[in-house]
Structure formats: structure tokens, C-alpha cells
Amino acid sequence: MQGVPALEIDGARVAARIGLELPVFRRLMDQGRIAVLCERGTGEDEGTWRATFYYGRQRARFLVDRRGRVVDID
């Protein structure tokens, strides 16, 4: 099994999806008030990752494909 790659998702993109200004998003991340769930694809999805950011009832979900490109998924 491979190690976890460095996944990078632009904070401005996440902030916009959950309805926050970037400085507020960064502060909340620093405070641990935004939860992040990162899931590794298996089977036919092996090599991909899904990252979900949660703040209250807001959610932003992204797929990182095999090439490292970030795709909004809902």
C-alpha cells in the first residue's frame, strides 16, 4: 500500500463552496472548527481521493483524481 500523498485543495475554493470569506475559513480551520474527512478510493477508484469539509450544516466535497486534479463533486 502506498503512503498518503500530499493533497492540495485551494482554500478559496473550499471557502466559496461553504459560503465563507477566505480569512474566516482560514481562521476556522486553524481553530479546528472545520472538520475534514479524507477517503482513499479502492477497487476501480484506486488512486483517487475524496475530501469533504464540514462546517455546521455546510459541506464541500471534492475528488482528487489520479492526476492530482481537484474536481467538485457536489
Protein backbone atom coordinates (compact mmCIF):
# COMPACT_ATOMS: atom_id res chain seq x y z
CA MET A 1 0.00 0.00 0.00
CA GLN A 2 1.25 3.46 -0.87
CA GLY A 3 1.51 6.30 1.61
CA VAL A 4 -0.91 9.19 1.66
CA PRO A 5 0.03 11.79 -0.97
CA ALA A 6 0.07 15.49 -0.23
CA LEU A 7 -3.44 16.51 -1.26
CA GLU A 8 -3.84 20.20 -2.02
CA ILE A 9 -7.21 21.87 -2.41
CA ASP A 10 -7.31 25.65 -2.74
CA GLY A 11 -8.76 27.14 0.45
CA ALA A 12 -10.55 29.85 -1.54
CA ARG A 13 -12.38 27.15 -3.47
CA VAL A 14 -13.45 25.37 -0.29
CA ALA A 15 -14.44 28.62 1.44
CA ALA A 16 -16.62 29.66 -1.50
CA ARG A 17 -18.38 26.29 -1.54
CA ILE A 18 -19.32 26.53 2.13
CA GLY A 19 -20.21 30.21 1.99
CA LEU A 20 -17.32 31.76 3.91
CA GLU A 21 -14.83 34.52 3.17
CA LEU A 22 -11.30 33.12 2.85
CA PRO A 23 -9.88 34.79 6.01
CA VAL A 24 -12.80 33.44 8.06
CA PHE A 25 -12.34 29.97 6.57
CA ARG A 26 -8.63 30.01 7.43
CA ARG A 27 -9.31 31.15 10.99
CA LEU A 28 -11.93 28.43 11.49
CA MET A 29 -9.54 25.81 10.08
CA ASP A 30 -6.82 26.98 12.47
CA GLN A 31 -9.30 26.73 15.35
CA GLY A 32 -10.29 23.21 14.34
CA ARG A 33 -13.90 24.26 13.74
CA ILE A 34 -13.99 22.92 10.19
CA ALA A 35 -13.86 19.13 10.04
CA VAL A 36 -12.21 17.33 7.14
CA LEU A 37 -12.75 13.74 6.10
CA CYS A 38 -10.36 12.31 3.51
CA GLU A 39 -11.15 8.95 1.93
CA ARG A 40 -8.96 6.84 -0.34
CA GLY A 41 -10.54 5.21 -3.37
CA THR A 42 -10.43 1.43 -3.59
CA GLY A 43 -11.07 -1.07 -6.37
CA GLU A 44 -11.80 0.74 -9.63
CA ASP A 45 -11.38 4.08 -7.78
CA GLU A 46 -7.89 3.23 -6.51
CA GLY A 47 -5.56 6.19 -6.89
CA THR A 48 -8.29 8.75 -6.22
CA TRP A 49 -9.18 10.58 -3.03
CA ARG A 50 -12.35 12.24 -1.78
CA ALA A 51 -12.04 15.16 0.63
CA THR A 52 -15.09 16.51 2.44
CA PHE A 53 -15.04 19.70 4.51
CA TYR A 54 -17.79 20.25 7.10
CA TYR A 55 -18.80 23.46 8.83
CA GLY A 56 -22.12 23.34 10.67
CA ARG A 57 -24.66 22.12 8.13
CA GLN A 58 -22.48 23.18 5.20
CA ARG A 59 -20.46 20.64 3.25
CA ALA A 60 -17.99 20.89 0.39
CA ARG A 61 -16.88 17.66 -1.26
CA PHE A 62 -14.05 17.29 -3.76
CA LEU A 63 -12.48 14.45 -5.69
CA VAL A 64 -8.75 14.39 -6.32
CA ASP A 65 -8.26 12.28 -9.43
CA ARG A 66 -5.31 10.09 -10.33
CA ARG A 67 -3.51 13.06 -11.89
CA GLY A 68 -3.95 15.22 -8.78
CA ARG A 69 -6.67 17.39 -10.34
CA VAL A 70 -9.39 18.60 -7.97
CA VAL A 71 -13.00 18.13 -9.11
CA ASP A 72 -16.12 19.44 -7.30
CA ILE A 73 -18.47 16.51 -6.79
CA ASP A 74 -21.49 18.10 -5.10
